[in-house]
Amino acid sequence: MKVAFVGKGGSGKTTLSSLFVRHLAAEGAPVVAVDADINQHLGVALGLSEQAAAAIPAMGAHLPEIKDHLRGTNPRISSAAAMVKTTPPGRGSRLLRIGGDDPIHSRLSVEAAGATLMATGPFTEEDLGVSCYHSKTGAVELYLNHLVDGPGEYAVVDCTAGAESFASGMFTRFDLTFLVAEPTRKGVAVYRQWTEYAADYDVALKVIGNKVHGPDDVAFLRDHVGDDLLCCVGQSGAVRAMEQGRPFHLGDLEDHDRAALATLRGAVDARPKDWPKFTRQAVEFHLKNAHAWANAATGQDLTTQIDPDFTLAPETALTTA
């Protein structure tokens, strides 16, 4: 399953996504965690030192290699340079599996808290003033477009804050999106943005209340998000210790917080896998991007990259080069 964590900056989405990754890995599930936030903190939240987290090879800095690998022998893609962030796979494309033996996972990831960790990478001095962060998160969109995740496998992405994910089609790449919201007016404002922007795209969204102090906070969130409120977590001393760099283990969490993590996994596992919709939306956003900018940028008609007889699915991975 593909899972996103989104929310207002400072809402705690990185902390909660790291706890969810730890929970999945502790239960023996194969899990890839991807830090796709402009503020790259997921590695540290998963127990890496600042130096080790900063040394993770940046996906955004290896786009040519990623594209070259994923392109494979797909005859509809003339070159790696002709691939853009929305280019969908087709016959001949190389597909990815969680835990697979491929150069993307083997060269661009490290182990953290029992999970495979990848990162888009931070802004560099060369990026400042001339580039947007979507040039880096495009690597994650390509990765998700080509990832065939099987039952009991998880890709967990810590996304950019606010509604930034709507600058591309990446918000449709997930089986379930968890929106982390504090019990404040600012905290629920991002929820309203998400529900408004995603209304026409059948995006499955659940809200995690964070930094909740009591029944009044729960009632506030319920008033604003209704049945989308899945669970709430409070101010945890164990989590505070983790954020301060002290040793941390899942067993240090309070019982209700461990129960919340189990609730998250239950919600993810209950989601039906809809490969035709996933493929259809990939095609839709590729067409939008092709007409809006990509055709002009590449000097090619990128709408011809779409393979009308191709649907991404586990059985496809068995027959695709």
Protein backbone atom coordinates (compact mmCIF):
# COMPACT_ATOMS: atom_id res chain seq x y z
CA MET A 1 0.00 0.00 0.00
CA LYS A 2 1.10 3.55 -0.73
CA VAL A 3 0.57 5.92 2.20
CA ALA A 4 1.05 9.69 2.49
CA PHE A 5 1.40 11.87 5.56
CA VAL A 6 0.42 15.51 4.99
CA GLY A 7 -0.48 18.49 7.14
CA LYS A 8 0.37 22.02 8.16
CA GLY A 9 4.00 22.77 8.85
CA GLY A 10 4.68 21.96 12.50
CA SER A 11 1.63 19.72 12.84
CA GLY A 12 3.80 16.69 13.61
CA LYS A 13 3.41 14.79 10.35
CA THR A 14 7.09 13.81 10.20
CA THR A 15 7.01 12.53 13.77
CA LEU A 16 3.82 10.53 13.16
CA SER A 17 5.01 9.17 9.82
CA SER A 18 8.24 8.01 11.50
CA LEU A 19 6.28 6.30 14.27
CA PHE A 20 4.09 4.57 11.71
CA VAL A 21 7.15 3.38 9.78
CA ARG A 22 8.68 2.06 13.02
CA HIS A 23 5.39 0.31 13.85
CA LEU A 24 5.19 -1.40 10.46
CA ALA A 25 8.84 -2.47 10.53
CA ALA A 26 8.54 -3.77 14.10
CA GLU A 27 5.68 -6.00 12.95
CA GLY A 28 7.88 -7.44 10.22
CA ALA A 29 6.29 -5.64 7.28
CA PRO A 30 8.48 -4.66 4.30
CA VAL A 31 8.37 -0.86 4.26
CA VAL A 32 9.99 1.91 2.23
CA ALA A 33 9.95 5.35 3.83
CA VAL A 34 10.44 8.38 1.60
CA ASP A 35 11.29 11.84 2.90
CA ALA A 36 9.67 14.13 0.33
CA ASP A 37 9.47 17.23 2.54
CA ILE A 38 11.51 20.32 1.80
CA ASN A 39 12.61 20.12 5.45
CA GLN A 40 14.41 16.78 5.50
CA HIS A 41 13.86 15.43 9.03
CA LEU A 42 12.49 11.92 8.53
CA GLY A 43 15.90 10.24 8.74
CA VAL A 44 16.64 11.78 12.12
CA ALA A 45 13.13 10.90 13.32
CA LEU A 46 13.92 7.30 12.37
CA GLY A 47 17.03 7.32 14.53
CA LEU A 48 19.79 8.37 12.14
CA SER A 49 22.35 10.95 13.17
CA GLU A 50 22.22 14.33 11.44
CA GLN A 51 25.35 13.37 9.51
CA ALA A 52 23.99 9.99 8.40
CA ALA A 53 20.66 11.51 7.36
CA ALA A 54 22.39 14.21 5.34
CA ALA A 55 24.48 11.56 3.57
CA ILE A 56 21.48 9.71 2.08
CA PRO A 57 21.82 9.94 -1.72
CA ALA A 58 19.25 12.48 -2.92
CA MET A 59 16.69 11.11 -5.37
CA GLY A 60 16.33 14.61 -6.84
CA ALA A 61 20.04 14.66 -7.69
CA HIS A 62 19.84 11.34 -9.54
CA LEU A 63 16.88 11.96 -11.82
CA PRO A 64 18.73 11.05 -15.04
CA GLU A 65 19.75 7.66 -13.62
CA ILE A 66 16.25 7.04 -12.23
CA LYS A 67 14.66 7.86 -15.57
CA ASP A 68 17.15 5.76 -17.51
CA HIS A 69 16.44 2.73 -15.36
CA LEU A 70 12.65 3.10 -15.37
CA ARG A 71 12.50 3.70 -19.10
CA GLY A 72 13.85 0.22 -19.80
CA THR A 73 12.98 -0.80 -23.36
CA ASN A 74 9.69 1.09 -23.54
CA PRO A 75 9.49 2.04 -27.24
CA ARG A 76 7.13 4.94 -26.53
CA ILE A 77 9.82 6.84 -24.59
CA SER A 78 12.50 8.12 -26.96
CA SER A 79 15.09 8.85 -24.26
CA ALA A 80 15.48 9.39 -20.54
CA ALA A 81 15.60 13.13 -21.26
CA ALA A 82 12.08 12.87 -22.69
CA MET A 83 10.72 11.56 -19.39
CA VAL A 84 9.02 14.00 -17.03
CA LYS A 85 7.70 13.55 -13.51
CA THR A 86 4.33 12.26 -14.75
CA THR A 87 5.57 9.86 -17.45
CA PRO A 88 3.62 6.65 -16.81
CA PRO A 89 5.02 3.15 -17.31
CA GLY A 90 4.15 1.03 -20.31
CA ARG A 91 5.21 -2.21 -21.90
CA GLY A 92 8.99 -2.40 -21.69
CA SER A 93 9.26 -0.12 -18.66
CA ARG A 94 11.12 -1.39 -15.64
CA LEU A 95 8.80 -1.69 -12.67
CA LEU A 96 9.87 -1.54 -9.03
CA ARG A 97 9.06 -3.83 -6.11
CA ILE A 98 9.49 -3.05 -2.44
CA GLY A 99 12.64 -4.87 -1.39
CA GLY A 100 13.54 -5.40 -5.04
CA ASP A 101 17.08 -5.82 -6.31
CA ASP A 102 17.28 -2.72 -8.51
CA PRO A 103 19.72 0.20 -8.71
CA ILE A 104 17.20 2.72 -7.36
CA HIS A 105 16.65 0.91 -4.07
CA SER A 106 20.20 -0.38 -3.75
CA ARG A 107 21.99 2.89 -4.55
CA LEU A 108 19.60 5.55 -3.25
CA SER A 109 18.53 4.17 0.12
CA VAL A 110 19.79 3.35 3.59
CA GLU A 111 18.40 1.24 6.42
CA ALA A 112 16.72 3.08 9.27
CA ALA A 113 14.63 1.63 12.10
CA GLY A 114 14.17 -1.59 10.13
CA ALA A 115 12.87 0.21 7.04
CA THR A 116 14.35 1.20 3.69
CA LEU A 117 14.73 5.00 3.73
CA MET A 118 14.96 7.22 0.67
CA ALA A 119 15.02 11.02 0.44
CA THR A 120 14.40 13.63 -2.22
CA GLY A 121 17.22 15.74 -0.83
CA PRO A 122 17.29 19.37 0.35
CA PHE A 123 17.69 22.54 -1.63
CA THR A 124 21.29 23.20 -2.64
CA GLU A 125 22.97 26.54 -3.21
CA GLU A 126 22.53 25.99 -6.95
CA ASP A 127 18.76 25.61 -6.47
CA LEU A 128 18.19 28.81 -4.53
CA GLY A 129 16.35 31.44 -6.55
CA VAL A 130 16.18 29.36 -9.73
CA SER A 131 14.34 26.15 -8.89
CA CYS A 132 11.22 24.89 -7.11
CA TYR A 133 11.08 21.86 -4.87
CA HIS A 134 8.80 20.03 -7.31
CA SER A 135 11.85 19.40 -9.46
CA LYS A 136 12.99 17.09 -6.65
CA THR A 137 9.65 15.56 -5.65
CA GLY A 138 9.20 14.65 -9.32
CA ALA A 139 11.60 11.79 -8.61
CA VAL A 140 9.18 10.47 -5.99
CA GLU A 141 6.25 10.75 -8.39
CA LEU A 142 8.12 8.71 -10.98
CA TYR A 143 9.05 6.20 -8.29
CA LEU A 144 5.43 5.79 -7.17
CA ASN A 145 4.17 5.57 -10.76
CA HIS A 146 6.44 2.57 -11.34
CA LEU A 147 6.10 0.89 -7.93
CA VAL A 148 4.13 -2.36 -7.76
CA ASP A 149 3.48 -2.87 -4.05
CA GLY A 150 2.07 -6.20 -3.02
CA PRO A 151 -0.13 -7.24 -0.08
CA GLY A 152 1.48 -6.46 3.25
CA GLU A 153 4.06 -4.12 1.66
CA TYR A 154 4.12 -0.41 2.40
CA ALA A 155 5.55 2.77 0.89
CA VAL A 156 5.18 5.65 3.36
CA VAL A 157 5.86 9.18 2.10
CA ASP A 158 6.35 12.20 4.34
CA CYS A 159 5.08 14.91 1.98
CA THR A 160 5.64 18.65 1.78
CA ALA A 161 3.64 20.78 4.20
CA GLY A 162 0.29 22.38 3.46
CA ALA A 163 -1.32 21.86 0.09
CA GLU A 164 1.95 21.80 -1.89
CA SER A 165 1.30 18.25 -3.12
CA PHE A 166 -1.41 19.64 -5.40
CA ALA A 167 1.22 21.30 -7.58
CA SER A 168 1.54 17.88 -9.25
CA GLY A 169 -0.50 14.71 -9.52
CA MET A 170 1.35 13.12 -6.60
CA PHE A 171 -1.66 13.56 -4.32
CA THR A 172 -3.42 10.81 -6.32
CA ARG A 173 -0.57 8.31 -5.97
CA PHE A 174 -1.63 6.95 -2.57
CA ASP A 175 -4.06 4.33 -1.38
CA LEU A 176 -4.64 6.37 1.77
CA THR A 177 -3.57 9.84 2.87
CA PHE A 178 -3.24 10.69 6.55
CA LEU A 179 -3.68 14.39 7.28
CA VAL A 180 -2.18 15.38 10.62
CA ALA A 181 -4.16 18.20 12.23
CA GLU A 182 -3.77 20.05 15.49
CA PRO A 183 -7.01 21.06 17.25
CA THR A 184 -6.82 24.69 16.12
CA ARG A 185 -8.36 26.77 13.35
CA LYS A 186 -5.04 26.81 11.52
CA GLY A 187 -4.75 23.08 12.06
CA VAL A 188 -8.01 22.27 10.28
CA ALA A 189 -7.55 24.86 7.51
CA VAL A 190 -5.27 22.50 5.57
CA TYR A 191 -7.93 19.80 5.89
CA ARG A 192 -10.45 22.11 4.21
CA GLN A 193 -7.95 22.83 1.44
CA TRP A 194 -7.34 19.14 0.88
CA THR A 195 -10.99 18.18 0.75
CA GLU A 196 -11.72 21.05 -1.64
CA TYR A 197 -8.84 20.38 -4.03
CA ALA A 198 -9.18 16.59 -3.97
CA ALA A 199 -12.97 16.51 -4.27
CA ASP A 200 -12.99 15.40 -7.91
CA TYR A 201 -10.23 12.79 -7.63
CA ASP A 202 -11.57 10.16 -5.23
CA VAL A 203 -8.70 10.64 -2.79
CA ALA A 204 -9.06 8.58 0.39
CA LEU A 205 -8.28 10.87 3.33
CA LYS A 206 -8.26 10.28 7.09
CA VAL A 207 -7.38 12.79 9.80
CA ILE A 208 -5.06 12.13 12.74
CA GLY A 209 -5.57 14.59 15.57
CA ASN A 210 -2.21 15.50 17.07
CA LYS A 211 -1.22 17.36 20.25
CA VAL A 212 -4.68 16.67 21.65
CA HIS A 213 -5.13 17.51 25.33
CA GLY A 214 -8.61 16.26 26.12
CA PRO A 215 -12.26 15.80 25.12
CA ASP A 216 -12.70 19.43 24.11
CA ASP A 217 -9.89 19.11 21.54
CA VAL A 218 -11.41 15.90 20.20
CA ALA A 219 -14.82 17.58 19.95
CA PHE A 220 -13.28 20.53 18.10
CA LEU A 221 -11.69 18.28 15.52
CA ARG A 222 -14.86 16.21 15.15
CA ASP A 223 -16.88 19.38 14.55
CA HIS A 224 -14.55 20.41 11.73
CA VAL A 225 -13.62 17.12 10.04
CA GLY A 226 -16.53 14.84 10.98
CA ASP A 227 -16.13 11.15 10.30
CA ASP A 228 -12.76 11.71 8.63
CA LEU A 229 -11.25 11.87 12.13
CA LEU A 230 -9.64 8.45 12.54
CA CYS A 231 -7.82 8.76 15.86
CA CYS A 232 -6.02 11.22 18.13
CA VAL A 233 -2.67 11.28 19.89
CA GLY A 234 -1.59 13.53 22.73
CA GLN A 235 1.58 15.11 23.99
CA SER A 236 3.83 12.11 24.59
CA GLY A 237 6.83 12.23 26.87
CA ALA A 238 8.40 9.37 24.91
CA VAL A 239 7.97 11.24 21.62
CA ARG A 240 9.41 14.40 23.17
CA ALA A 241 12.45 12.39 24.24
CA MET A 242 12.80 11.05 20.70
CA GLU A 243 12.60 14.57 19.25
CA GLN A 244 15.31 15.68 21.69
CA GLY A 245 17.61 12.91 20.46
CA ARG A 246 17.35 10.60 23.45
CA PRO A 247 17.09 6.83 22.97
CA PHE A 248 13.64 5.75 21.84
CA HIS A 249 11.77 2.47 21.43
CA LEU A 250 8.17 1.90 20.41
CA GLY A 251 7.59 0.23 23.75
CA ASP A 252 8.19 3.62 25.40
CA LEU A 253 4.93 4.93 23.94
CA GLU A 254 1.81 5.19 26.02
CA ASP A 255 -0.79 2.47 25.41
CA HIS A 256 -3.22 4.80 23.62
CA ASP A 257 -0.50 5.97 21.22
CA ARG A 258 0.47 2.40 20.36
CA ALA A 259 -3.21 1.67 19.82
CA ALA A 260 -3.41 4.69 17.46
CA LEU A 261 -0.59 3.26 15.33
CA ALA A 262 -2.44 -0.05 15.10
CA THR A 263 -5.54 1.90 14.05
CA LEU A 264 -3.56 3.56 11.25
CA ARG A 265 -2.38 0.21 9.92
CA GLY A 266 -5.89 -1.19 10.14
CA ALA A 267 -7.21 1.71 8.08
CA VAL A 268 -4.51 1.22 5.45
CA ASP A 269 -5.03 -2.54 5.24
CA ALA A 270 -8.78 -2.07 4.85
CA ARG A 271 -8.36 0.01 1.70
CA PRO A 272 -9.12 -1.81 -1.56
CA LYS A 273 -6.32 -1.76 -4.11
CA ASP A 274 -7.55 -0.11 -7.32
CA TRP A 275 -4.84 -0.49 -9.96
CA PRO A 276 -7.05 0.62 -12.90
CA LYS A 277 -7.84 3.92 -11.10
CA PHE A 278 -4.16 4.39 -10.23
CA THR A 279 -3.20 3.93 -13.88
CA ARG A 280 -6.06 6.07 -15.17
CA GLN A 281 -5.13 9.01 -12.94
CA ALA A 282 -1.47 8.72 -13.90
CA VAL A 283 -2.50 9.06 -17.54
CA GLU A 284 -4.82 11.99 -16.73
CA PHE A 285 -2.12 14.03 -15.03
CA HIS A 286 0.45 13.15 -17.66
CA LEU A 287 -1.84 14.55 -20.35
CA LYS A 288 -2.38 17.72 -18.29
CA ASN A 289 1.34 18.25 -17.84
CA ALA A 290 2.14 17.42 -21.46
CA HIS A 291 -0.26 20.06 -22.76
CA ALA A 292 0.57 22.64 -20.07
CA TRP A 293 4.37 22.66 -20.29
CA ALA A 294 6.11 19.34 -20.94
CA ASN A 295 5.61 19.18 -24.71
CA ALA A 296 7.12 22.64 -25.09
CA ALA A 297 9.93 21.89 -22.63
CA THR A 298 11.02 18.70 -24.39
CA GLY A 299 10.12 19.61 -27.96
CA GLN A 300 8.16 16.36 -28.25
CA ASP A 301 4.56 15.24 -28.09
CA LEU A 302 4.65 13.41 -24.76
CA THR A 303 1.05 12.27 -25.06
CA THR A 304 2.39 9.47 -27.27
CA GLN A 305 4.20 8.04 -24.21
CA ILE A 306 0.88 6.64 -22.98
CA ASP A 307 0.44 2.93 -23.63
CA PRO A 308 -3.35 2.47 -23.95
CA ASP A 309 -3.15 -1.29 -23.37
CA PHE A 310 -1.11 -1.07 -20.16
CA THR A 311 -2.42 -1.21 -16.58
CA LEU A 312 -0.01 -1.25 -13.67
CA ALA A 313 -0.69 -4.28 -11.48
CA PRO A 314 1.22 -7.12 -9.79
CA GLU A 315 0.56 -9.46 -12.72
CA THR A 316 2.01 -6.80 -15.04
CA ALA A 317 5.28 -6.88 -13.13
CA LEU A 318 5.66 -10.56 -13.95
CA THR A 319 5.55 -9.94 -17.69
CA THR A 320 7.19 -6.51 -18.08
CA ALA A 321 10.90 -6.23 -18.79
